[in-house]
Amino acid sequence: MSETYKIETRFCGGCNCYFDRESLYEHLKKQLSGVCDFFLYSQEADERADLVLLINGCQSECLLTEAYDTKVLLINNKNYENAVGLIKEYLKLNEN
């Protein structure tokens, strides 16, 4: 039985985006389906994440102002093209 990882996703405010954050999110869900379950952050959510994914449209790192209680991966305009690989690396997923 393979483990499914829970990915809590948070988006920046979108004031200075260099790429389409929503398209990236949909791409990640498609590429990692069956391995990762993505959900959007909500204060009311009772889910425990294996990874918090912060999707920033630029390099301002505005989402890093909070403390998180699990692994955090920051995606921005410098690394978004390798987001699938970065998630796999953080979760130590093996390539088949």
PDB file of N, CA and C in Angstrom:
ATOM      1  N   MET A   1       0.840  -1.175   0.000  1.00  0.00           N
ATOM      2  CA  MET A   1       0.000   0.000   0.000  1.00  0.00           C
ATOM      3  C   MET A   1       0.886   1.240   0.000  1.00  0.00           C
ATOM      4  N   SER A   2       0.653   2.135  -0.908  1.00  0.00           N
ATOM      5  CA  SER A   2       1.486   3.336  -0.988  1.00  0.00           C
ATOM      6  C   SER A   2       0.847   4.471  -0.197  1.00  0.00           C
ATOM      7  N   GLU A   3       1.705   5.292   0.353  1.00  0.00           N
ATOM      8  CA  GLU A   3       1.267   6.417   1.163  1.00  0.00           C
ATOM      9  C   GLU A   3       0.899   7.612   0.280  1.00  0.00           C
ATOM     10  N   THR A   4      -0.159   8.300   0.658  1.00  0.00           N
ATOM     11  CA  THR A   4      -0.537   9.532  -0.010  1.00  0.00           C
ATOM     12  C   THR A   4      -0.174  10.687   0.902  1.00  0.00           C
ATOM     13  N   TYR A   5       0.564  11.634   0.368  1.00  0.00           N
ATOM     14  CA  TYR A   5       1.012  12.786   1.144  1.00  0.00           C
ATOM     15  C   TYR A   5       0.007  13.921   1.038  1.00  0.00           C
ATOM     16  N   LYS A   6      -0.200  14.604   2.148  1.00  0.00           N
ATOM     17  CA  LYS A   6      -1.110  15.744   2.182  1.00  0.00           C
ATOM     18  C   LYS A   6      -0.306  17.023   2.041  1.00  0.00           C
ATOM     19  N   ILE A   7      -0.681  17.822   1.043  1.00  0.00           N
ATOM     20  CA  ILE A   7       0.022  19.074   0.740  1.00  0.00           C
ATOM     21  C   ILE A   7      -0.928  20.242   0.982  1.00  0.00           C
ATOM     22  N   GLU A   8      -0.662  20.999   2.034  1.00  0.00           N
ATOM     23  CA  GLU A   8      -1.426  22.217   2.296  1.00  0.00           C
ATOM     24  C   GLU A   8      -0.842  23.322   1.427  1.00  0.00           C
ATOM     25  N   THR A   9      -1.673  23.994   0.676  1.00  0.00           N
ATOM     26  CA  THR A   9      -1.200  25.010  -0.263  1.00  0.00           C
ATOM     27  C   THR A   9      -1.704  26.386   0.146  1.00  0.00           C
ATOM     28  N   ARG A  10      -0.781  27.344   0.109  1.00  0.00           N
ATOM     29  CA  ARG A  10      -1.126  28.735   0.386  1.00  0.00           C
ATOM     30  C   ARG A  10      -0.601  29.583  -0.766  1.00  0.00           C
ATOM     31  N   PHE A  11      -1.400  30.533  -1.175  1.00  0.00           N
ATOM     32  CA  PHE A  11      -1.032  31.444  -2.255  1.00  0.00           C
ATOM     33  C   PHE A  11      -0.743  32.826  -1.690  1.00  0.00           C
ATOM     34  N   CYS A  12       0.190  33.524  -2.327  1.00  0.00           N
ATOM     35  CA  CYS A  12       0.436  34.920  -1.985  1.00  0.00           C
ATOM     36  C   CYS A  12      -0.746  35.758  -2.453  1.00  0.00           C
ATOM     37  N   GLY A  13      -0.710  37.047  -2.176  1.00  0.00           N
ATOM     38  CA  GLY A  13      -1.793  37.941  -2.553  1.00  0.00           C
ATOM     39  C   GLY A  13      -1.871  38.253  -4.032  1.00  0.00           C
ATOM     40  N   GLY A  14      -0.836  37.923  -4.794  1.00  0.00           N
ATOM     41  CA  GLY A  14      -0.859  38.096  -6.244  1.00  0.00           C
ATOM     42  C   GLY A  14      -0.574  39.500  -6.740  1.00  0.00           C
ATOM     43  N   CYS A  15       0.094  40.311  -5.933  1.00  0.00           N
ATOM     44  CA  CYS A  15       0.301  41.711  -6.331  1.00  0.00           C
ATOM     45  C   CYS A  15       1.392  41.895  -7.384  1.00  0.00           C
ATOM     46  N   ASN A  16       2.298  40.936  -7.526  1.00  0.00           N
ATOM     47  CA  ASN A  16       3.421  41.117  -8.449  1.00  0.00           C
ATOM     48  C   ASN A  16       3.817  39.774  -9.078  1.00  0.00           C
ATOM     49  N   CYS A  17       2.871  39.121  -9.728  1.00  0.00           N
ATOM     50  CA  CYS A  17       3.104  37.765 -10.246  1.00  0.00           C
ATOM     51  C   CYS A  17       3.877  37.759 -11.557  1.00  0.00           C
ATOM     52  N   TYR A  18       4.831  36.840 -11.630  1.00  0.00           N
ATOM     53  CA  TYR A  18       5.616  36.626 -12.838  1.00  0.00           C
ATOM     54  C   TYR A  18       5.202  35.350 -13.573  1.00  0.00           C
ATOM     55  N   PHE A  19       4.274  34.591 -12.996  1.00  0.00           N
ATOM     56  CA  PHE A  19       3.765  33.385 -13.633  1.00  0.00           C
ATOM     57  C   PHE A  19       2.350  33.143 -13.128  1.00  0.00           C
ATOM     58  N   ASP A  20       1.629  32.261 -13.803  1.00  0.00           N
ATOM     59  CA  ASP A  20       0.241  31.959 -13.454  1.00  0.00           C
ATOM     60  C   ASP A  20       0.225  30.932 -12.321  1.00  0.00           C
ATOM     61  N   ARG A  21      -0.011  31.393 -11.126  1.00  0.00           N
ATOM     62  CA  ARG A  21       0.026  30.535  -9.937  1.00  0.00           C
ATOM     63  C   ARG A  21      -1.067  29.470  -9.956  1.00  0.00           C
ATOM     64  N   GLU A  22      -2.252  29.830 -10.425  1.00  0.00           N
ATOM     65  CA  GLU A  22      -3.357  28.878 -10.458  1.00  0.00           C
ATOM     66  C   GLU A  22      -3.093  27.743 -11.449  1.00  0.00           C
ATOM     67  N   SER A  23      -2.528  28.080 -12.595  1.00  0.00           N
ATOM     68  CA  SER A  23      -2.169  27.041 -13.576  1.00  0.00           C
ATOM     69  C   SER A  23      -1.110  26.101 -13.016  1.00  0.00           C
ATOM     70  N   LEU A  24      -0.157  26.663 -12.298  1.00  0.00           N
ATOM     71  CA  LEU A  24       0.867  25.832 -11.667  1.00  0.00           C
ATOM     72  C   LEU A  24       0.222  24.869 -10.676  1.00  0.00           C
ATOM     73  N   TYR A  25      -0.681  25.359  -9.861  1.00  0.00           N
ATOM     74  CA  TYR A  25      -1.364  24.532  -8.873  1.00  0.00           C
ATOM     75  C   TYR A  25      -2.105  23.377  -9.550  1.00  0.00           C
ATOM     76  N   GLU A  26      -2.827  23.661 -10.621  1.00  0.00           N
ATOM     77  CA  GLU A  26      -3.537  22.610 -11.353  1.00  0.00           C
ATOM     78  C   GLU A  26      -2.559  21.606 -11.962  1.00  0.00           C
ATOM     79  N   HIS A  27      -1.443  22.091 -12.481  1.00  0.00           N
ATOM     80  CA  HIS A  27      -0.401  21.226 -13.038  1.00  0.00           C
ATOM     81  C   HIS A  27       0.159  20.292 -11.963  1.00  0.00           C
ATOM     82  N   LEU A  28       0.439  20.834 -10.786  1.00  0.00           N
ATOM     83  CA  LEU A  28       0.981  20.027  -9.692  1.00  0.00           C
ATOM     84  C   LEU A  28      -0.013  18.942  -9.276  1.00  0.00           C
ATOM     85  N   LYS A  29      -1.281  19.306  -9.157  1.00  0.00           N
ATOM     86  CA  LYS A  29      -2.295  18.315  -8.772  1.00  0.00           C
ATOM     87  C   LYS A  29      -2.375  17.193  -9.797  1.00  0.00           C
ATOM     88  N   LYS A  30      -2.266  17.539 -11.067  1.00  0.00           N
ATOM     89  CA  LYS A  30      -2.337  16.528 -12.128  1.00  0.00           C
ATOM     90  C   LYS A  30      -1.096  15.634 -12.125  1.00  0.00           C
ATOM     91  N   GLN A  31       0.086  16.248 -12.054  1.00  0.00           N
ATOM     92  CA  GLN A  31       1.337  15.497 -12.118  1.00  0.00           C
ATOM     93  C   GLN A  31       1.563  14.599 -10.906  1.00  0.00           C
ATOM     94  N   LEU A  32       1.032  14.989  -9.770  1.00  0.00           N
ATOM     95  CA  LEU A  32       1.276  14.239  -8.538  1.00  0.00           C
ATOM     96  C   LEU A  32       0.021  13.531  -8.020  1.00  0.00           C
ATOM     97  N   SER A  33      -0.994  13.402  -8.877  1.00  0.00           N
ATOM     98  CA  SER A  33      -2.218  12.713  -8.454  1.00  0.00           C
ATOM     99  C   SER A  33      -1.890  11.261  -8.119  1.00  0.00           C
ATOM    100  N   GLY A  34      -2.564  10.744  -7.123  1.00  0.00           N
ATOM    101  CA  GLY A  34      -2.299   9.382  -6.675  1.00  0.00           C
ATOM    102  C   GLY A  34      -1.177   9.299  -5.662  1.00  0.00           C
ATOM    103  N   VAL A  35      -0.344  10.329  -5.600  1.00  0.00           N
ATOM    104  CA  VAL A  35       0.772  10.370  -4.658  1.00  0.00           C
ATOM    105  C   VAL A  35       0.542  11.446  -3.601  1.00  0.00           C
ATOM    106  N   CYS A  36      -0.029  12.566  -4.051  1.00  0.00           N
ATOM    107  CA  CYS A  36      -0.256  13.704  -3.164  1.00  0.00           C
ATOM    108  C   CYS A  36      -1.701  14.175  -3.254  1.00  0.00           C
ATOM    109  N   ASP A  37      -2.258  14.512  -2.101  1.00  0.00           N
ATOM    110  CA  ASP A  37      -3.563  15.153  -2.033  1.00  0.00           C
ATOM    111  C   ASP A  37      -3.327  16.610  -1.653  1.00  0.00           C
ATOM    112  N   PHE A  38      -3.710  17.512  -2.539  1.00  0.00           N
ATOM    113  CA  PHE A  38      -3.536  18.942  -2.308  1.00  0.00           C
ATOM    114  C   PHE A  38      -4.811  19.522  -1.715  1.00  0.00           C
ATOM    115  N   PHE A  39      -4.650  20.411  -0.759  1.00  0.00           N
ATOM    116  CA  PHE A  39      -5.800  21.146  -0.242  1.00  0.00           C
ATOM    117  C   PHE A  39      -5.358  22.564   0.075  1.00  0.00           C
ATOM    118  N   LEU A  40      -6.302  23.492  -0.042  1.00  0.00           N
ATOM    119  CA  LEU A  40      -6.021  24.894   0.223  1.00  0.00           C
ATOM    120  C   LEU A  40      -6.101  25.173   1.712  1.00  0.00           C
ATOM    121  N   TYR A  41      -5.250  26.047   2.172  1.00  0.00           N
ATOM    122  CA  TYR A  41      -5.229  26.432   3.577  1.00  0.00           C
ATOM    123  C   TYR A  41      -6.566  27.034   3.993  1.00  0.00           C
ATOM    124  N   SER A  42      -7.013  26.665   5.172  1.00  0.00           N
ATOM    125  CA  SER A  42      -8.196  27.254   5.788  1.00  0.00           C
ATOM    126  C   SER A  42      -7.992  27.186   7.294  1.00  0.00           C
ATOM    127  N   GLN A  43      -8.307  28.252   7.987  1.00  0.00           N
ATOM    128  CA  GLN A  43      -8.173  28.239   9.448  1.00  0.00           C
ATOM    129  C   GLN A  43      -9.055  27.171  10.070  1.00  0.00           C
ATOM    130  N   GLU A  44     -10.156  26.850   9.428  1.00  0.00           N
ATOM    131  CA  GLU A  44     -11.090  25.868   9.950  1.00  0.00           C
ATOM    132  C   GLU A  44     -10.678  24.433   9.621  1.00  0.00           C
ATOM    133  N   ALA A  45      -9.750  24.270   8.692  1.00  0.00           N
ATOM    134  CA  ALA A  45      -9.345  22.925   8.276  1.00  0.00           C
ATOM    135  C   ALA A  45      -8.713  22.178   9.447  1.00  0.00           C
ATOM    136  N   ASP A  46      -9.020  20.908   9.523  1.00  0.00           N
ATOM    137  CA  ASP A  46      -8.523  20.083  10.612  1.00  0.00           C
ATOM    138  C   ASP A  46      -7.495  19.071  10.103  1.00  0.00           C
ATOM    139  N   GLU A  47      -7.021  19.271   8.886  1.00  0.00           N
ATOM    140  CA  GLU A  47      -6.086  18.323   8.288  1.00  0.00           C
ATOM    141  C   GLU A  47      -4.658  18.634   8.708  1.00  0.00           C
ATOM    142  N   ARG A  48      -3.871  17.608   8.863  1.00  0.00           N
ATOM    143  CA  ARG A  48      -2.448  17.731   9.159  1.00  0.00           C
ATOM    144  C   ARG A  48      -1.697  17.491   7.862  1.00  0.00           C
ATOM    145  N   ALA A  49      -0.856  18.439   7.479  1.00  0.00           N
ATOM    146  CA  ALA A  49      -0.132  18.342   6.210  1.00  0.00           C
ATOM    147  C   ALA A  49       1.250  17.725   6.414  1.00  0.00           C
ATOM    148  N   ASP A  50       1.698  17.010   5.377  1.00  0.00           N
ATOM    149  CA  ASP A  50       3.074  16.513   5.342  1.00  0.00           C
ATOM    150  C   ASP A  50       4.018  17.590   4.836  1.00  0.00           C
ATOM    151  N   LEU A  51       3.451  18.544   4.084  1.00  0.00           N
ATOM    152  CA  LEU A  51       4.229  19.629   3.499  1.00  0.00           C
ATOM    153  C   LEU A  51       3.318  20.832   3.314  1.00  0.00           C
ATOM    154  N   VAL A  52       3.832  22.015   3.658  1.00  0.00           N
ATOM    155  CA  VAL A  52       3.124  23.256   3.359  1.00  0.00           C
ATOM    156  C   VAL A  52       3.780  23.835   2.116  1.00  0.00           C
ATOM    157  N   LEU A  53       2.998  24.008   1.072  1.00  0.00           N
ATOM    158  CA  LEU A  53       3.476  24.544  -0.199  1.00  0.00           C
ATOM    159  C   LEU A  53       3.062  26.003  -0.296  1.00  0.00           C
ATOM    160  N   LEU A  54       4.040  26.887  -0.352  1.00  0.00           N
ATOM    161  CA  LEU A  54       3.800  28.323  -0.449  1.00  0.00           C
ATOM    162  C   LEU A  54       4.054  28.744  -1.887  1.00  0.00           C
ATOM    163  N   ILE A  55       3.035  29.207  -2.575  1.00  0.00           N
ATOM    164  CA  ILE A  55       3.187  29.605  -3.971  1.00  0.00           C
ATOM    165  C   ILE A  55       3.183  31.125  -4.049  1.00  0.00           C
ATOM    166  N   ASN A  56       4.376  31.682  -4.219  1.00  0.00           N
ATOM    167  CA  ASN A  56       4.579  33.130  -4.354  1.00  0.00           C
ATOM    168  C   ASN A  56       4.768  33.456  -5.818  1.00  0.00           C
ATOM    169  N   GLY A  57       4.108  34.490  -6.296  1.00  0.00           N
ATOM    170  CA  GLY A  57       4.237  34.901  -7.690  1.00  0.00           C
ATOM    171  C   GLY A  57       5.534  35.626  -8.002  1.00  0.00           C
ATOM    172  N   CYS A  58       6.264  36.036  -6.965  1.00  0.00           N
ATOM    173  CA  CYS A  58       7.543  36.729  -7.142  1.00  0.00           C
ATOM    174  C   CYS A  58       8.487  36.273  -6.042  1.00  0.00           C
ATOM    175  N   GLN A  59       9.550  36.995  -5.804  1.00  0.00           N
ATOM    176  CA  GLN A  59      10.545  36.611  -4.809  1.00  0.00           C
ATOM    177  C   GLN A  59      10.397  37.340  -3.480  1.00  0.00           C
ATOM    178  N   SER A  60       9.283  37.980  -3.237  1.00  0.00           N
ATOM    179  CA  SER A  60       9.142  38.768  -2.006  1.00  0.00           C
ATOM    180  C   SER A  60       9.076  37.912  -0.743  1.00  0.00           C
ATOM    181  N   GLU A  61       8.734  36.642  -0.866  1.00  0.00           N
ATOM    182  CA  GLU A  61       8.638  35.708   0.256  1.00  0.00           C
ATOM    183  C   GLU A  61       7.654  36.180   1.322  1.00  0.00           C
ATOM    184  N   CYS A  62       6.585  36.831   0.905  1.00  0.00           N
ATOM    185  CA  CYS A  62       5.596  37.348   1.853  1.00  0.00           C
ATOM    186  C   CYS A  62       4.922  36.255   2.669  1.00  0.00           C
ATOM    187  N   LEU A  63       4.883  35.041   2.164  1.00  0.00           N
ATOM    188  CA  LEU A  63       4.241  33.949   2.895  1.00  0.00           C
ATOM    189  C   LEU A  63       5.128  33.353   3.986  1.00  0.00           C
ATOM    190  N   LEU A  64       6.370  33.800   4.083  1.00  0.00           N
ATOM    191  CA  LEU A  64       7.270  33.262   5.101  1.00  0.00           C
ATOM    192  C   LEU A  64       7.210  34.041   6.408  1.00  0.00           C
ATOM    193  N   THR A  65       6.228  34.891   6.571  1.00  0.00           N
ATOM    194  CA  THR A  65       6.123  35.669   7.801  1.00  0.00           C
ATOM    195  C   THR A  65       5.518  34.853   8.945  1.00  0.00           C
ATOM    196  N   GLU A  66       4.956  33.709   8.643  1.00  0.00           N
ATOM    197  CA  GLU A  66       4.356  32.845   9.665  1.00  0.00           C
ATOM    198  C   GLU A  66       5.278  31.682  10.000  1.00  0.00           C
ATOM    199  N   ALA A  67       5.041  31.094  11.171  1.00  0.00           N
ATOM    200  CA  ALA A  67       5.731  29.863  11.554  1.00  0.00           C
ATOM    201  C   ALA A  67       4.831  28.691  11.170  1.00  0.00           C
ATOM    202  N   TYR A  68       5.415  27.648  10.623  1.00  0.00           N
ATOM    203  CA  TYR A  68       4.655  26.472  10.207  1.00  0.00           C
ATOM    204  C   TYR A  68       5.141  25.280  11.013  1.00  0.00           C
ATOM    205  N   ASP A  69       4.262  24.305  11.232  1.00  0.00           N
ATOM    206  CA  ASP A  69       4.615  23.167  12.084  1.00  0.00           C
ATOM    207  C   ASP A  69       4.991  21.908  11.304  1.00  0.00           C
ATOM    208  N   THR A  70       5.362  22.081  10.051  1.00  0.00           N
ATOM    209  CA  THR A  70       5.813  20.955   9.235  1.00  0.00           C
ATOM    210  C   THR A  70       6.780  21.493   8.175  1.00  0.00           C
ATOM    211  N   LYS A  71       7.237  20.631   7.300  1.00  0.00           N
ATOM    212  CA  LYS A  71       8.132  21.054   6.222  1.00  0.00           C
ATOM    213  C   LYS A  71       7.466  22.115   5.364  1.00  0.00           C
ATOM    214  N   VAL A  72       8.263  23.076   4.912  1.00  0.00           N
ATOM    215  CA  VAL A  72       7.753  24.168   4.087  1.00  0.00           C
ATOM    216  C   VAL A  72       8.561  24.230   2.799  1.00  0.00           C
ATOM    217  N   LEU A  73       7.866  24.368   1.679  1.00  0.00           N
ATOM    218  CA  LEU A  73       8.514  24.546   0.384  1.00  0.00           C
ATOM    219  C   LEU A  73       7.988  25.830  -0.233  1.00  0.00           C
ATOM    220  N   LEU A  74       8.894  26.733  -0.533  1.00  0.00           N
ATOM    221  CA  LEU A  74       8.537  28.008  -1.144  1.00  0.00           C
ATOM    222  C   LEU A  74       8.759  27.923  -2.649  1.00  0.00           C
ATOM    223  N   ILE A  75       7.701  28.157  -3.398  1.00  0.00           N
ATOM    224  CA  ILE A  75       7.776  28.204  -4.853  1.00  0.00           C
ATOM    225  C   ILE A  75       7.630  29.666  -5.253  1.00  0.00           C
ATOM    226  N   ASN A  76       8.508  30.123  -6.147  1.00  0.00           N
ATOM    227  CA  ASN A  76       8.411  31.502  -6.636  1.00  0.00           C
ATOM    228  C   ASN A  76       8.811  31.541  -8.104  1.00  0.00           C
ATOM    229  N   ASN A  77       9.014  32.742  -8.637  1.00  0.00           N
ATOM    230  CA  ASN A  77       9.309  32.881 -10.061  1.00  0.00           C
ATOM    231  C   ASN A  77      10.674  32.319 -10.444  1.00  0.00           C
ATOM    232  N   LYS A  78      11.532  32.011  -9.508  1.00  0.00           N
ATOM    233  CA  LYS A  78      12.856  31.454  -9.812  1.00  0.00           C
ATOM    234  C   LYS A  78      12.867  29.927  -9.874  1.00  0.00           C
ATOM    235  N   ASN A  79      11.894  29.264  -9.237  1.00  0.00           N
ATOM    236  CA  ASN A  79      11.942  27.798  -9.185  1.00  0.00           C
ATOM    237  C   ASN A  79      10.640  27.099  -9.581  1.00  0.00           C
ATOM    238  N   TYR A  80       9.623  27.854  -9.998  1.00  0.00           N
ATOM    239  CA  TYR A  80       8.315  27.239 -10.260  1.00  0.00           C
ATOM    240  C   TYR A  80       8.352  26.196 -11.368  1.00  0.00           C
ATOM    241  N   GLU A  81       9.263  26.337 -12.322  1.00  0.00           N
ATOM    242  CA  GLU A  81       9.317  25.373 -13.423  1.00  0.00           C
ATOM    243  C   GLU A  81       9.780  23.991 -12.962  1.00  0.00           C
ATOM    244  N   ASN A  82      10.402  23.916 -11.795  1.00  0.00           N
ATOM    245  CA  ASN A  82      10.858  22.649 -11.247  1.00  0.00           C
ATOM    246  C   ASN A  82      10.057  22.261  -9.998  1.00  0.00           C
ATOM    247  N   ALA A  83       8.845  22.781  -9.851  1.00  0.00           N
ATOM    248  CA  ALA A  83       8.056  22.561  -8.643  1.00  0.00           C
ATOM    249  C   ALA A  83       7.754  21.082  -8.395  1.00  0.00           C
ATOM    250  N   VAL A  84       7.429  20.329  -9.431  1.00  0.00           N
ATOM    251  CA  VAL A  84       7.137  18.898  -9.258  1.00  0.00           C
ATOM    252  C   VAL A  84       8.360  18.194  -8.679  1.00  0.00           C
ATOM    253  N   GLY A  85       9.526  18.445  -9.246  1.00  0.00           N
ATOM    254  CA  GLY A  85      10.755  17.830  -8.757  1.00  0.00           C
ATOM    255  C   GLY A  85      11.096  18.253  -7.340  1.00  0.00           C
ATOM    256  N   LEU A  86      10.856  19.500  -7.011  1.00  0.00           N
ATOM    257  CA  LEU A  86      11.130  19.984  -5.660  1.00  0.00           C
ATOM    258  C   LEU A  86      10.216  19.325  -4.632  1.00  0.00           C
ATOM    259  N   ILE A  87       8.945  19.155  -4.980  1.00  0.00           N
ATOM    260  CA  ILE A  87       8.020  18.477  -4.072  1.00  0.00           C
ATOM    261  C   ILE A  87       8.455  17.036  -3.856  1.00  0.00           C
ATOM    262  N   LYS A  88       8.799  16.358  -4.938  1.00  0.00           N
ATOM    263  CA  LYS A  88       9.270  14.970  -4.820  1.00  0.00           C
ATOM    264  C   LYS A  88      10.520  14.891  -3.944  1.00  0.00           C
ATOM    265  N   GLU A  89      11.424  15.833  -4.106  1.00  0.00           N
ATOM    266  CA  GLU A  89      12.644  15.859  -3.305  1.00  0.00           C
ATOM    267  C   GLU A  89      12.325  16.081  -1.831  1.00  0.00           C
ATOM    268  N   TYR A  90      11.460  17.032  -1.526  1.00  0.00           N
ATOM    269  CA  TYR A  90      11.102  17.309  -0.139  1.00  0.00           C
ATOM    270  C   TYR A  90      10.425  16.108   0.531  1.00  0.00           C
ATOM    271  N   LEU A  91       9.597  15.409  -0.220  1.00  0.00           N
ATOM    272  CA  LEU A  91       8.881  14.258   0.332  1.00  0.00           C
ATOM    273  C   LEU A  91       9.662  12.965   0.177  1.00  0.00           C
ATOM    274  N   LYS A  92      10.828  13.072  -0.439  1.00  0.00           N
ATOM    275  CA  LYS A  92      11.701  11.910  -0.672  1.00  0.00           C
ATOM    276  C   LYS A  92      10.972  10.814  -1.457  1.00  0.00           C
ATOM    277  N   LEU A  93      10.290  11.239  -2.515  1.00  0.00           N
ATOM    278  CA  LEU A  93       9.588  10.290  -3.371  1.00  0.00           C
ATOM    279  C   LEU A  93      10.569   9.700  -4.372  1.00  0.00           C
ATOM    280  N   ASN A  94      10.501   8.418  -4.553  1.00  0.00           N
ATOM    281  CA  ASN A  94      11.378   7.734  -5.495  1.00  0.00           C
ATOM    282  C   ASN A  94      10.809   7.829  -6.900  1.00  0.00           C
ATOM    283  N   GLU A  95      11.689   8.016  -7.859  1.00  0.00           N
ATOM    284  CA  GLU A  95      11.286   7.994  -9.264  1.00  0.00           C
ATOM    285  C   GLU A  95      11.157   6.533  -9.695  1.00  0.00           C
ATOM    286  N   ASN A  96      10.083   6.216 -10.381  1.00  0.00           N
ATOM    287  CA  ASN A  96       9.915   4.837 -10.892  1.00  0.00           C
ATOM    288  C   ASN A  96      10.137   4.802 -12.366  1.00  0.00           C
TER     289      ASN A  96
END
